[in-house]
Amino acid sequence: MKNLNTYVLKIAIVAVLSISSLTGCKKDEVKIEPVTKTTEVSEIEFSKLLQFVSITTTAPKDQIVYNEKNKEFVVYGWYHKSLADVQSEYDTANEYKATYEK
């Protein structure tokens, strides 16, 4: 009887593992929205931040999306940087300002 219980247990474990491995994870679809300005920063400041992100990530501006709901920049659909982080980095980027904002 003990062998029968272990045999059934082994079959049940194999069945559960097989079923769970066969069901795959659904990949989230990424919607790329055009860059829009935020209400928290002025249009000029937003333009400067967009240029800053473009230069520091070496990504063209058309590959940078601003997600207004999450308040973050998304570069190439996978690199996320919050607006607060970008503003903080921009404020302390003296060399960038000296080079690109003459």
N, C-alpha and C. Protein backbone atom coordinates (compact mmCIF):
# COMPACT_ATOMS: atom_id res chain seq x y z
N MET A 1 0.82 -1.19 0.00
CA MET A 1 0.00 0.00 0.00
C MET A 1 0.87 1.26 0.00
N LYS A 2 1.99 1.18 0.74
CA LYS A 2 2.86 2.33 0.82
C LYS A 2 3.48 2.62 -0.55
N ASN A 3 3.85 1.58 -1.28
CA ASN A 3 4.41 1.75 -2.62
C ASN A 3 3.40 2.35 -3.57
N LEU A 4 2.13 1.97 -3.41
CA LEU A 4 1.08 2.51 -4.25
C LEU A 4 0.89 4.00 -4.00
N ASN A 5 0.95 4.43 -2.74
CA ASN A 5 0.81 5.84 -2.40
C ASN A 5 1.96 6.67 -2.97
N THR A 6 3.18 6.18 -2.87
CA THR A 6 4.33 6.91 -3.41
C THR A 6 4.28 6.94 -4.92
N TYR A 7 3.80 5.85 -5.53
CA TYR A 7 3.67 5.82 -6.99
C TYR A 7 2.65 6.85 -7.46
N VAL A 8 1.50 6.92 -6.81
CA VAL A 8 0.45 7.88 -7.17
C VAL A 8 0.95 9.30 -6.92
N LEU A 9 1.67 9.50 -5.81
CA LEU A 9 2.22 10.82 -5.51
C LEU A 9 3.21 11.26 -6.58
N LYS A 10 4.06 10.36 -7.03
CA LYS A 10 5.03 10.68 -8.09
C LYS A 10 4.32 11.04 -9.39
N ILE A 11 3.30 10.29 -9.73
CA ILE A 11 2.54 10.57 -10.95
C ILE A 11 1.85 11.92 -10.84
N ALA A 12 1.29 12.22 -9.68
CA ALA A 12 0.61 13.51 -9.48
C ALA A 12 1.60 14.67 -9.59
N ILE A 13 2.77 14.51 -9.01
CA ILE A 13 3.79 15.56 -9.10
C ILE A 13 4.22 15.77 -10.54
N VAL A 14 4.46 14.70 -11.27
CA VAL A 14 4.86 14.81 -12.68
C VAL A 14 3.75 15.45 -13.49
N ALA A 15 2.50 15.12 -13.21
CA ALA A 15 1.38 15.70 -13.95
C ALA A 15 1.28 17.20 -13.68
N VAL A 16 1.41 17.60 -12.43
CA VAL A 16 1.32 19.02 -12.08
C VAL A 16 2.47 19.79 -12.73
N LEU A 17 3.68 19.26 -12.65
CA LEU A 17 4.83 19.92 -13.26
C LEU A 17 4.70 20.00 -14.78
N SER A 18 4.18 18.96 -15.39
CA SER A 18 4.00 18.97 -16.85
C SER A 18 2.98 20.02 -17.26
N ILE A 19 1.89 20.07 -16.56
CA ILE A 19 0.84 21.04 -16.90
C ILE A 19 1.34 22.46 -16.70
N SER A 20 2.05 22.69 -15.58
CA SER A 20 2.53 24.06 -15.32
C SER A 20 3.61 24.48 -16.29
N SER A 21 4.41 23.53 -16.77
CA SER A 21 5.46 23.91 -17.73
C SER A 21 4.89 24.12 -19.13
N LEU A 22 3.79 23.48 -19.45
CA LEU A 22 3.20 23.63 -20.77
C LEU A 22 2.41 24.92 -20.92
N THR A 23 1.91 25.45 -19.82
CA THR A 23 1.20 26.71 -19.90
C THR A 23 2.21 27.84 -19.79
N GLY A 24 2.34 28.61 -20.84
CA GLY A 24 3.34 29.67 -20.88
C GLY A 24 2.81 30.97 -20.31
N CYS A 25 3.73 31.86 -20.07
CA CYS A 25 3.36 33.19 -19.59
C CYS A 25 2.98 34.06 -20.79
N LYS A 26 1.99 34.89 -20.60
CA LYS A 26 1.56 35.78 -21.66
C LYS A 26 2.43 37.03 -21.62
N LYS A 27 3.00 37.38 -22.73
CA LYS A 27 3.86 38.55 -22.81
C LYS A 27 2.99 39.80 -22.92
N ASP A 28 3.33 40.81 -22.12
CA ASP A 28 2.59 42.06 -22.16
C ASP A 28 2.90 42.80 -23.45
N GLU A 29 1.87 43.36 -24.04
CA GLU A 29 2.06 44.16 -25.24
C GLU A 29 2.46 45.57 -24.84
N VAL A 30 3.47 46.09 -25.50
CA VAL A 30 3.96 47.42 -25.19
C VAL A 30 3.43 48.38 -26.24
N LYS A 31 2.66 49.36 -25.78
CA LYS A 31 2.15 50.38 -26.68
C LYS A 31 3.12 51.54 -26.66
N ILE A 32 3.57 51.94 -27.81
CA ILE A 32 4.45 53.10 -27.91
C ILE A 32 3.60 54.29 -28.30
N GLU A 33 3.58 55.26 -27.39
CA GLU A 33 2.81 56.46 -27.63
C GLU A 33 3.77 57.59 -27.99
N PRO A 34 3.33 58.53 -28.78
CA PRO A 34 4.21 59.64 -29.11
C PRO A 34 4.53 60.47 -27.87
N VAL A 35 5.65 61.16 -27.94
CA VAL A 35 6.09 61.98 -26.83
C VAL A 35 5.11 63.12 -26.62
N THR A 36 4.67 63.25 -25.39
CA THR A 36 3.77 64.34 -25.04
C THR A 36 4.35 65.10 -23.87
N LYS A 37 3.97 66.33 -23.76
CA LYS A 37 4.50 67.12 -22.65
C LYS A 37 3.69 66.88 -21.39
N THR A 38 4.32 67.12 -20.27
CA THR A 38 3.66 66.92 -18.98
C THR A 38 3.13 68.25 -18.46
N THR A 39 2.25 68.16 -17.51
CA THR A 39 1.69 69.38 -16.95
C THR A 39 2.55 69.92 -15.81
N GLU A 40 3.45 69.11 -15.26
CA GLU A 40 4.26 69.53 -14.13
C GLU A 40 5.44 70.42 -14.54
N VAL A 41 5.94 70.26 -15.74
CA VAL A 41 7.08 71.05 -16.19
C VAL A 41 6.66 71.88 -17.39
N SER A 42 7.33 72.98 -17.57
CA SER A 42 6.99 73.83 -18.71
C SER A 42 7.41 73.15 -20.00
N GLU A 43 6.88 73.64 -21.08
CA GLU A 43 7.19 73.06 -22.39
C GLU A 43 8.67 73.18 -22.71
N ILE A 44 9.28 74.29 -22.34
CA ILE A 44 10.70 74.50 -22.60
C ILE A 44 11.54 73.55 -21.76
N GLU A 45 11.18 73.41 -20.48
CA GLU A 45 11.93 72.50 -19.61
C GLU A 45 11.77 71.06 -20.07
N PHE A 46 10.56 70.69 -20.49
CA PHE A 46 10.33 69.34 -20.99
C PHE A 46 11.18 69.08 -22.24
N SER A 47 11.26 70.06 -23.11
CA SER A 47 12.08 69.93 -24.31
C SER A 47 13.55 69.73 -23.94
N LYS A 48 14.04 70.47 -22.93
CA LYS A 48 15.42 70.31 -22.48
C LYS A 48 15.64 68.93 -21.87
N LEU A 49 14.67 68.45 -21.08
CA LEU A 49 14.81 67.12 -20.48
C LEU A 49 14.79 66.03 -21.54
N LEU A 50 13.95 66.19 -22.55
CA LEU A 50 13.90 65.22 -23.64
C LEU A 50 15.23 65.19 -24.38
N GLN A 51 15.80 66.36 -24.65
CA GLN A 51 17.11 66.44 -25.30
C GLN A 51 18.18 65.81 -24.42
N PHE A 52 18.12 66.05 -23.11
CA PHE A 52 19.08 65.48 -22.17
C PHE A 52 19.02 63.96 -22.18
N VAL A 53 17.82 63.40 -22.13
CA VAL A 53 17.67 61.94 -22.15
C VAL A 53 18.17 61.39 -23.48
N SER A 54 17.88 62.09 -24.56
CA SER A 54 18.32 61.64 -25.88
C SER A 54 19.84 61.58 -25.96
N ILE A 55 20.51 62.60 -25.48
CA ILE A 55 21.97 62.65 -25.58
C ILE A 55 22.62 61.67 -24.60
N THR A 56 22.12 61.61 -23.37
CA THR A 56 22.77 60.74 -22.39
C THR A 56 22.53 59.26 -22.65
N THR A 57 21.46 58.92 -23.36
CA THR A 57 21.22 57.51 -23.68
C THR A 57 21.58 57.17 -25.12
N THR A 58 22.02 58.15 -25.87
CA THR A 58 22.34 58.03 -27.31
C THR A 58 21.17 57.46 -28.10
N ALA A 59 19.97 57.81 -27.70
CA ALA A 59 18.76 57.35 -28.40
C ALA A 59 18.16 58.52 -29.16
N PRO A 60 17.66 58.28 -30.36
CA PRO A 60 16.98 59.36 -31.07
C PRO A 60 15.69 59.74 -30.35
N LYS A 61 15.28 60.97 -30.52
CA LYS A 61 14.10 61.47 -29.81
C LYS A 61 12.83 60.69 -30.14
N ASP A 62 12.74 60.15 -31.34
CA ASP A 62 11.53 59.41 -31.69
C ASP A 62 11.46 58.04 -31.00
N GLN A 63 12.54 57.61 -30.35
CA GLN A 63 12.54 56.35 -29.61
C GLN A 63 12.32 56.58 -28.11
N ILE A 64 12.07 57.82 -27.72
CA ILE A 64 11.85 58.15 -26.32
C ILE A 64 10.37 58.51 -26.14
N VAL A 65 9.72 57.82 -25.23
CA VAL A 65 8.30 58.03 -24.97
C VAL A 65 8.17 58.52 -23.53
N TYR A 66 7.33 59.51 -23.33
CA TYR A 66 7.05 59.96 -21.96
C TYR A 66 5.71 59.40 -21.54
N ASN A 67 5.71 58.59 -20.50
CA ASN A 67 4.49 58.02 -19.96
C ASN A 67 3.98 58.96 -18.88
N GLU A 68 2.93 59.69 -19.18
CA GLU A 68 2.43 60.71 -18.27
C GLU A 68 1.78 60.08 -17.03
N LYS A 69 1.21 58.92 -17.18
CA LYS A 69 0.56 58.25 -16.05
C LYS A 69 1.60 57.87 -14.98
N ASN A 70 2.71 57.28 -15.41
CA ASN A 70 3.75 56.86 -14.48
C ASN A 70 4.82 57.93 -14.26
N LYS A 71 4.72 59.02 -15.01
CA LYS A 71 5.69 60.12 -14.95
C LYS A 71 7.11 59.60 -15.15
N GLU A 72 7.32 58.95 -16.31
CA GLU A 72 8.63 58.41 -16.60
C GLU A 72 8.90 58.44 -18.10
N PHE A 73 10.18 58.50 -18.43
CA PHE A 73 10.62 58.40 -19.80
C PHE A 73 10.93 56.94 -20.08
N VAL A 74 10.52 56.46 -21.26
CA VAL A 74 10.80 55.09 -21.66
C VAL A 74 11.60 55.16 -22.95
N VAL A 75 12.81 54.61 -22.91
CA VAL A 75 13.71 54.65 -24.06
C VAL A 75 13.74 53.26 -24.69
N TYR A 76 13.51 53.19 -25.98
CA TYR A 76 13.49 51.95 -26.76
C TYR A 76 12.48 50.93 -26.22
N GLY A 77 11.50 51.38 -25.46
CA GLY A 77 10.46 50.49 -24.98
C GLY A 77 10.81 49.66 -23.76
N TRP A 78 12.04 49.75 -23.27
CA TRP A 78 12.39 48.91 -22.12
C TRP A 78 13.15 49.64 -21.02
N TYR A 79 13.81 50.73 -21.30
CA TYR A 79 14.58 51.46 -20.28
C TYR A 79 13.71 52.56 -19.68
N HIS A 80 13.40 52.44 -18.42
CA HIS A 80 12.49 53.38 -17.74
C HIS A 80 13.28 54.29 -16.81
N LYS A 81 13.00 55.59 -16.88
CA LYS A 81 13.67 56.58 -16.03
C LYS A 81 12.60 57.56 -15.58
N SER A 82 12.45 57.72 -14.27
CA SER A 82 11.39 58.59 -13.76
C SER A 82 11.71 60.06 -14.04
N LEU A 83 10.67 60.86 -14.09
CA LEU A 83 10.82 62.28 -14.35
C LEU A 83 11.66 62.94 -13.25
N ALA A 84 11.44 62.54 -12.00
CA ALA A 84 12.21 63.11 -10.89
C ALA A 84 13.69 62.79 -11.02
N ASP A 85 14.01 61.55 -11.44
CA ASP A 85 15.42 61.17 -11.62
C ASP A 85 16.06 61.97 -12.75
N VAL A 86 15.32 62.13 -13.84
CA VAL A 86 15.86 62.88 -14.98
C VAL A 86 16.08 64.34 -14.60
N GLN A 87 15.12 64.93 -13.88
CA GLN A 87 15.28 66.32 -13.45
C GLN A 87 16.46 66.47 -12.50
N SER A 88 16.63 65.52 -11.60
CA SER A 88 17.75 65.57 -10.65
C SER A 88 19.09 65.44 -11.38
N GLU A 89 19.17 64.50 -12.31
CA GLU A 89 20.41 64.34 -13.07
C GLU A 89 20.69 65.56 -13.93
N TYR A 90 19.64 66.12 -14.52
CA TYR A 90 19.81 67.30 -15.36
C TYR A 90 20.30 68.48 -14.54
N ASP A 91 19.77 68.64 -13.34
CA ASP A 91 20.17 69.76 -12.49
C ASP A 91 21.63 69.69 -12.09
N THR A 92 22.17 68.49 -11.97
CA THR A 92 23.57 68.33 -11.55
C THR A 92 24.51 68.07 -12.72
N ALA A 93 24.02 68.11 -13.95
CA ALA A 93 24.84 67.80 -15.12
C ALA A 93 25.52 69.06 -15.65
N ASN A 94 26.51 69.55 -14.93
CA ASN A 94 27.19 70.78 -15.32
C ASN A 94 27.97 70.64 -16.62
N GLU A 95 28.62 69.51 -16.80
CA GLU A 95 29.39 69.31 -18.03
C GLU A 95 28.47 69.23 -19.25
N TYR A 96 27.33 68.57 -19.09
CA TYR A 96 26.36 68.51 -20.17
C TYR A 96 25.89 69.90 -20.55
N LYS A 97 25.55 70.70 -19.55
CA LYS A 97 25.07 72.06 -19.82
C LYS A 97 26.14 72.92 -20.47
N ALA A 98 27.40 72.74 -20.05
CA ALA A 98 28.49 73.51 -20.65
C ALA A 98 28.73 73.11 -22.10
N THR A 99 28.51 71.84 -22.40
CA THR A 99 28.78 71.35 -23.74
C THR A 99 27.61 71.60 -24.71
N TYR A 100 26.39 71.30 -24.27
CA TYR A 100 25.26 71.32 -25.18
C TYR A 100 24.34 72.54 -25.05
N GLU A 101 24.47 73.32 -24.01
CA GLU A 101 23.58 74.47 -23.83
C GLU A 101 24.37 75.76 -23.75
N LYS A 102 25.08 76.04 -24.82
CA LYS A 102 25.90 77.26 -24.85
C LYS A 102 25.08 78.45 -25.23
